[in-house]
Amino acid sequence: MKNGIIEIQIITGNAAFDDNQGGEVARILRKVADSFDTLEEIPGDLAHPLLDLNGLTVGHLKTRE
């Protein structure tokens, strides 16, 4: 994906963010970073849910050309 857009949205309104909001956001972003680290090229049509520590969907990651 050249000249593409990567969009990350995280909604921090549930219990996983109560005690350590920054830590939970960092944990989610680290998982995203780790998944990108294994890709040689980023797909231009990726849509992936982002999960909190409890396994609940709290956002999404999308790529587009």
PDB file of N, CA and C in Angstrom:
ATOM      1  N   MET A   1       0.859  -1.172   0.000  1.00  0.00           N
ATOM      2  CA  MET A   1       0.000   0.000   0.000  1.00  0.00           C
ATOM      3  C   MET A   1       0.898   1.225   0.000  1.00  0.00           C
ATOM      4  N   LYS A   2       0.962   1.892  -1.113  1.00  0.00           N
ATOM      5  CA  LYS A   2       1.713   3.145  -1.188  1.00  0.00           C
ATOM      6  C   LYS A   2       0.727   4.293  -1.129  1.00  0.00           C
ATOM      7  N   ASN A   3       1.092   5.335  -0.410  1.00  0.00           N
ATOM      8  CA  ASN A   3       0.243   6.521  -0.283  1.00  0.00           C
ATOM      9  C   ASN A   3      -1.128   6.189   0.287  1.00  0.00           C
ATOM     10  N   GLY A   4      -1.175   5.260   1.212  1.00  0.00           N
ATOM     11  CA  GLY A   4      -2.428   4.840   1.816  1.00  0.00           C
ATOM     12  C   GLY A   4      -2.701   5.541   3.136  1.00  0.00           C
ATOM     13  N   ILE A   5      -3.798   5.180   3.723  1.00  0.00           N
ATOM     14  CA  ILE A   5      -4.231   5.732   5.008  1.00  0.00           C
ATOM     15  C   ILE A   5      -4.427   4.577   5.982  1.00  0.00           C
ATOM     16  N   ILE A   6      -3.921   4.745   7.191  1.00  0.00           N
ATOM     17  CA  ILE A   6      -4.158   3.796   8.279  1.00  0.00           C
ATOM     18  C   ILE A   6      -4.955   4.540   9.342  1.00  0.00           C
ATOM     19  N   GLU A   7      -6.115   4.018   9.663  1.00  0.00           N
ATOM     20  CA  GLU A   7      -6.995   4.646  10.655  1.00  0.00           C
ATOM     21  C   GLU A   7      -7.126   3.720  11.854  1.00  0.00           C
ATOM     22  N   ILE A   8      -6.894   4.271  13.052  1.00  0.00           N
ATOM     23  CA  ILE A   8      -7.057   3.513  14.292  1.00  0.00           C
ATOM     24  C   ILE A   8      -8.028   4.282  15.173  1.00  0.00           C
ATOM     25  N   GLN A   9      -9.067   3.606  15.624  1.00  0.00           N
ATOM     26  CA  GLN A   9     -10.026   4.214  16.541  1.00  0.00           C
ATOM     27  C   GLN A   9     -10.157   3.315  17.760  1.00  0.00           C
ATOM     28  N   ILE A  10      -9.991   3.918  18.949  1.00  0.00           N
ATOM     29  CA  ILE A  10     -10.151   3.195  20.206  1.00  0.00           C
ATOM     30  C   ILE A  10     -11.129   3.979  21.074  1.00  0.00           C
ATOM     31  N   ILE A  11     -12.167   3.303  21.535  1.00  0.00           N
ATOM     32  CA  ILE A  11     -13.173   3.914  22.410  1.00  0.00           C
ATOM     33  C   ILE A  11     -12.862   3.458  23.835  1.00  0.00           C
ATOM     34  N   THR A  12     -12.624   4.412  24.722  1.00  0.00           N
ATOM     35  CA  THR A  12     -12.095   4.103  26.058  1.00  0.00           C
ATOM     36  C   THR A  12     -13.157   4.153  27.156  1.00  0.00           C
ATOM     37  N   GLY A  13     -14.393   3.839  26.832  1.00  0.00           N
ATOM     38  CA  GLY A  13     -15.457   4.002  27.804  1.00  0.00           C
ATOM     39  C   GLY A  13     -15.870   2.764  28.571  1.00  0.00           C
ATOM     40  N   ASN A  14     -15.085   1.686  28.548  1.00  0.00           N
ATOM     41  CA  ASN A  14     -15.521   0.509  29.290  1.00  0.00           C
ATOM     42  C   ASN A  14     -14.559   0.177  30.427  1.00  0.00           C
ATOM     43  N   ALA A  15     -14.855  -0.886  31.160  1.00  0.00           N
ATOM     44  CA  ALA A  15     -14.157  -1.215  32.406  1.00  0.00           C
ATOM     45  C   ALA A  15     -12.665  -1.483  32.230  1.00  0.00           C
ATOM     46  N   ALA A  16     -12.234  -1.964  31.078  1.00  0.00           N
ATOM     47  CA  ALA A  16     -10.814  -2.268  30.875  1.00  0.00           C
ATOM     48  C   ALA A  16      -9.938  -1.024  30.993  1.00  0.00           C
ATOM     49  N   PHE A  17     -10.526   0.143  30.830  1.00  0.00           N
ATOM     50  CA  PHE A  17      -9.778   1.396  30.884  1.00  0.00           C
ATOM     51  C   PHE A  17      -9.882   2.100  32.236  1.00  0.00           C
ATOM     52  N   ASP A  18     -10.654   1.544  33.160  1.00  0.00           N
ATOM     53  CA  ASP A  18     -10.905   2.220  34.436  1.00  0.00           C
ATOM     54  C   ASP A  18      -9.651   2.428  35.282  1.00  0.00           C
ATOM     55  N   ASP A  19      -8.842   1.403  35.454  1.00  0.00           N
ATOM     56  CA  ASP A  19      -7.701   1.489  36.367  1.00  0.00           C
ATOM     57  C   ASP A  19      -6.463   2.107  35.742  1.00  0.00           C
ATOM     58  N   ASN A  20      -6.236   1.852  34.463  1.00  0.00           N
ATOM     59  CA  ASN A  20      -5.013   2.325  33.818  1.00  0.00           C
ATOM     60  C   ASN A  20      -5.303   2.587  32.345  1.00  0.00           C
ATOM     61  N   GLN A  21      -5.940   3.707  32.079  1.00  0.00           N
ATOM     62  CA  GLN A  21      -6.377   4.017  30.722  1.00  0.00           C
ATOM     63  C   GLN A  21      -5.206   4.052  29.740  1.00  0.00           C
ATOM     64  N   GLY A  22      -4.141   4.743  30.102  1.00  0.00           N
ATOM     65  CA  GLY A  22      -2.981   4.831  29.219  1.00  0.00           C
ATOM     66  C   GLY A  22      -2.333   3.483  28.977  1.00  0.00           C
ATOM     67  N   GLY A  23      -2.255   2.677  30.016  1.00  0.00           N
ATOM     68  CA  GLY A  23      -1.664   1.347  29.889  1.00  0.00           C
ATOM     69  C   GLY A  23      -2.453   0.450  28.955  1.00  0.00           C
ATOM     70  N   GLU A  24      -3.783   0.527  29.030  1.00  0.00           N
ATOM     71  CA  GLU A  24      -4.621  -0.308  28.164  1.00  0.00           C
ATOM     72  C   GLU A  24      -4.521   0.154  26.712  1.00  0.00           C
ATOM     73  N   VAL A  25      -4.505   1.459  26.486  1.00  0.00           N
ATOM     74  CA  VAL A  25      -4.330   1.964  25.123  1.00  0.00           C
ATOM     75  C   VAL A  25      -2.971   1.519  24.586  1.00  0.00           C
ATOM     76  N   ALA A  26      -1.930   1.634  25.402  1.00  0.00           N
ATOM     77  CA  ALA A  26      -0.586   1.217  24.974  1.00  0.00           C
ATOM     78  C   ALA A  26      -0.548  -0.275  24.652  1.00  0.00           C
ATOM     79  N   ARG A  27      -1.223  -1.095  25.451  1.00  0.00           N
ATOM     80  CA  ARG A  27      -1.253  -2.540  25.205  1.00  0.00           C
ATOM     81  C   ARG A  27      -1.898  -2.845  23.858  1.00  0.00           C
ATOM     82  N   ILE A  28      -3.009  -2.172  23.566  1.00  0.00           N
ATOM     83  CA  ILE A  28      -3.701  -2.370  22.293  1.00  0.00           C
ATOM     84  C   ILE A  28      -2.809  -1.925  21.131  1.00  0.00           C
ATOM     85  N   LEU A  29      -2.169  -0.771  21.266  1.00  0.00           N
ATOM     86  CA  LEU A  29      -1.313  -0.270  20.193  1.00  0.00           C
ATOM     87  C   LEU A  29      -0.078  -1.150  19.989  1.00  0.00           C
ATOM     88  N   ARG A  30       0.440  -1.731  21.067  1.00  0.00           N
ATOM     89  CA  ARG A  30       1.571  -2.661  20.929  1.00  0.00           C
ATOM     90  C   ARG A  30       1.168  -3.886  20.117  1.00  0.00           C
ATOM     91  N   LYS A  31      -0.044  -4.393  20.365  1.00  0.00           N
ATOM     92  CA  LYS A  31      -0.533  -5.537  19.584  1.00  0.00           C
ATOM     93  C   LYS A  31      -0.660  -5.160  18.108  1.00  0.00           C
ATOM     94  N   VAL A  32      -1.136  -3.950  17.842  1.00  0.00           N
ATOM     95  CA  VAL A  32      -1.233  -3.473  16.461  1.00  0.00           C
ATOM     96  C   VAL A  32       0.167  -3.392  15.855  1.00  0.00           C
ATOM     97  N   ALA A  33       1.098  -2.788  16.580  1.00  0.00           N
ATOM     98  CA  ALA A  33       2.469  -2.647  16.076  1.00  0.00           C
ATOM     99  C   ALA A  33       3.087  -4.014  15.804  1.00  0.00           C
ATOM    100  N   ASP A  34       2.884  -4.968  16.691  1.00  0.00           N
ATOM    101  CA  ASP A  34       3.434  -6.314  16.500  1.00  0.00           C
ATOM    102  C   ASP A  34       2.866  -6.975  15.244  1.00  0.00           C
ATOM    103  N   SER A  35       1.583  -6.762  14.985  1.00  0.00           N
ATOM    104  CA  SER A  35       0.978  -7.380  13.801  1.00  0.00           C
ATOM    105  C   SER A  35       1.513  -6.742  12.516  1.00  0.00           C
ATOM    106  N   PHE A  36       1.802  -5.449  12.530  1.00  0.00           N
ATOM    107  CA  PHE A  36       2.355  -4.788  11.349  1.00  0.00           C
ATOM    108  C   PHE A  36       3.815  -5.180  11.139  1.00  0.00           C
ATOM    109  N   ASP A  37       4.506  -5.501  12.210  1.00  0.00           N
ATOM    110  CA  ASP A  37       5.922  -5.837  12.128  1.00  0.00           C
ATOM    111  C   ASP A  37       6.177  -7.077  11.277  1.00  0.00           C
ATOM    112  N   THR A  38       5.199  -7.952  11.151  1.00  0.00           N
ATOM    113  CA  THR A  38       5.375  -9.187  10.384  1.00  0.00           C
ATOM    114  C   THR A  38       4.984  -9.029   8.914  1.00  0.00           C
ATOM    115  N   LEU A  39       4.453  -7.883   8.527  1.00  0.00           N
ATOM    116  CA  LEU A  39       4.008  -7.672   7.147  1.00  0.00           C
ATOM    117  C   LEU A  39       5.114  -7.042   6.305  1.00  0.00           C
ATOM    118  N   GLU A  40       5.336  -7.581   5.125  1.00  0.00           N
ATOM    119  CA  GLU A  40       6.265  -6.933   4.197  1.00  0.00           C
ATOM    120  C   GLU A  40       5.590  -5.758   3.518  1.00  0.00           C
ATOM    121  N   GLU A  41       4.301  -5.904   3.229  1.00  0.00           N
ATOM    122  CA  GLU A  41       3.528  -4.824   2.636  1.00  0.00           C
ATOM    123  C   GLU A  41       2.175  -4.764   3.326  1.00  0.00           C
ATOM    124  N   ILE A  42       1.704  -3.564   3.582  1.00  0.00           N
ATOM    125  CA  ILE A  42       0.419  -3.375   4.262  1.00  0.00           C
ATOM    126  C   ILE A  42      -0.702  -3.476   3.231  1.00  0.00           C
ATOM    127  N   PRO A  43      -1.688  -4.338   3.475  1.00  0.00           N
ATOM    128  CA  PRO A  43      -2.808  -4.430   2.541  1.00  0.00           C
ATOM    129  C   PRO A  43      -3.623  -3.140   2.529  1.00  0.00           C
ATOM    130  N   GLY A  44      -4.151  -2.792   1.366  1.00  0.00           N
ATOM    131  CA  GLY A  44      -4.900  -1.550   1.226  1.00  0.00           C
ATOM    132  C   GLY A  44      -6.363  -1.654   1.583  1.00  0.00           C
ATOM    133  N   ASP A  45      -6.814  -2.808   2.027  1.00  0.00           N
ATOM    134  CA  ASP A  45      -8.239  -2.984   2.330  1.00  0.00           C
ATOM    135  C   ASP A  45      -8.436  -3.761   3.636  1.00  0.00           C
ATOM    136  N   LEU A  46      -7.607  -3.482   4.613  1.00  0.00           N
ATOM    137  CA  LEU A  46      -7.650  -4.203   5.878  1.00  0.00           C
ATOM    138  C   LEU A  46      -8.693  -3.588   6.813  1.00  0.00           C
ATOM    139  N   ALA A  47      -9.455  -4.420   7.473  1.00  0.00           N
ATOM    140  CA  ALA A  47     -10.389  -3.989   8.524  1.00  0.00           C
ATOM    141  C   ALA A  47     -10.263  -5.002   9.652  1.00  0.00           C
ATOM    142  N   HIS A  48      -9.900  -4.524  10.835  1.00  0.00           N
ATOM    143  CA  HIS A  48      -9.625  -5.433  11.937  1.00  0.00           C
ATOM    144  C   HIS A  48     -10.156  -4.842  13.239  1.00  0.00           C
ATOM    145  N   PRO A  49     -10.913  -5.612  14.027  1.00  0.00           N
ATOM    146  CA  PRO A  49     -11.389  -5.096  15.311  1.00  0.00           C
ATOM    147  C   PRO A  49     -10.236  -5.010  16.321  1.00  0.00           C
ATOM    148  N   LEU A  50     -10.307  -4.071  17.234  1.00  0.00           N
ATOM    149  CA  LEU A  50      -9.347  -3.949  18.323  1.00  0.00           C
ATOM    150  C   LEU A  50     -10.036  -4.372  19.611  1.00  0.00           C
ATOM    151  N   LEU A  51      -9.381  -5.258  20.358  1.00  0.00           N
ATOM    152  CA  LEU A  51      -9.985  -5.842  21.549  1.00  0.00           C
ATOM    153  C   LEU A  51      -9.301  -5.340  22.814  1.00  0.00           C
ATOM    154  N   ASP A  52     -10.096  -5.147  23.876  1.00  0.00           N
ATOM    155  CA  ASP A  52      -9.520  -4.771  25.156  1.00  0.00           C
ATOM    156  C   ASP A  52      -9.040  -6.016  25.895  1.00  0.00           C
ATOM    157  N   LEU A  53      -8.523  -5.813  27.099  1.00  0.00           N
ATOM    158  CA  LEU A  53      -7.983  -6.895  27.908  1.00  0.00           C
ATOM    159  C   LEU A  53      -9.025  -7.970  28.209  1.00  0.00           C
ATOM    160  N   ASN A  54     -10.303  -7.586  28.218  1.00  0.00           N
ATOM    161  CA  ASN A  54     -11.390  -8.515  28.498  1.00  0.00           C
ATOM    162  C   ASN A  54     -11.930  -9.207  27.243  1.00  0.00           C
ATOM    163  N   GLY A  55     -11.334  -8.907  26.079  1.00  0.00           N
ATOM    164  CA  GLY A  55     -11.769  -9.521  24.833  1.00  0.00           C
ATOM    165  C   GLY A  55     -12.932  -8.835  24.154  1.00  0.00           C
ATOM    166  N   LEU A  56     -13.293  -7.657  24.638  1.00  0.00           N
ATOM    167  CA  LEU A  56     -14.396  -6.908  24.033  1.00  0.00           C
ATOM    168  C   LEU A  56     -13.869  -5.979  22.951  1.00  0.00           C
ATOM    169  N   THR A  57     -14.646  -5.820  21.896  1.00  0.00           N
ATOM    170  CA  THR A  57     -14.264  -4.899  20.817  1.00  0.00           C
ATOM    171  C   THR A  57     -14.396  -3.462  21.303  1.00  0.00           C
ATOM    172  N   VAL A  58     -13.287  -2.728  21.219  1.00  0.00           N
ATOM    173  CA  VAL A  58     -13.265  -1.324  21.669  1.00  0.00           C
ATOM    174  C   VAL A  58     -12.859  -0.368  20.552  1.00  0.00           C
ATOM    175  N   GLY A  59     -12.731  -0.884  19.347  1.00  0.00           N
ATOM    176  CA  GLY A  59     -12.345  -0.024  18.245  1.00  0.00           C
ATOM    177  C   GLY A  59     -12.028  -0.836  17.010  1.00  0.00           C
ATOM    178  N   HIS A  60     -11.346  -0.162  16.086  1.00  0.00           N
ATOM    179  CA  HIS A  60     -11.012  -0.827  14.824  1.00  0.00           C
ATOM    180  C   HIS A  60      -9.745  -0.224  14.241  1.00  0.00           C
ATOM    181  N   LEU A  61      -9.164  -1.005  13.350  1.00  0.00           N
ATOM    182  CA  LEU A  61      -8.053  -0.565  12.525  1.00  0.00           C
ATOM    183  C   LEU A  61      -8.479  -0.776  11.086  1.00  0.00           C
ATOM    184  N   LYS A  62      -8.323   0.252  10.264  1.00  0.00           N
ATOM    185  CA  LYS A  62      -8.673   0.141   8.849  1.00  0.00           C
ATOM    186  C   LYS A  62      -7.535   0.725   8.019  1.00  0.00           C
ATOM    187  N   THR A  63      -7.304   0.106   6.871  1.00  0.00           N
ATOM    188  CA  THR A  63      -6.375   0.681   5.902  1.00  0.00           C
ATOM    189  C   THR A  63      -7.138   0.883   4.602  1.00  0.00           C
ATOM    190  N   ARG A  64      -6.688   1.872   3.854  1.00  0.00           N
ATOM    191  CA  ARG A  64      -7.266   2.100   2.525  1.00  0.00           C
ATOM    192  C   ARG A  64      -6.261   2.823   1.650  1.00  0.00           C
ATOM    193  N   GLU A  65      -6.429   2.609   0.376  1.00  0.00           N
ATOM    194  CA  GLU A  65      -5.545   3.239  -0.606  1.00  0.00           C
ATOM    195  C   GLU A  65      -5.888   4.709  -0.736  1.00  0.00           C
TER     196      GLU A  65
END
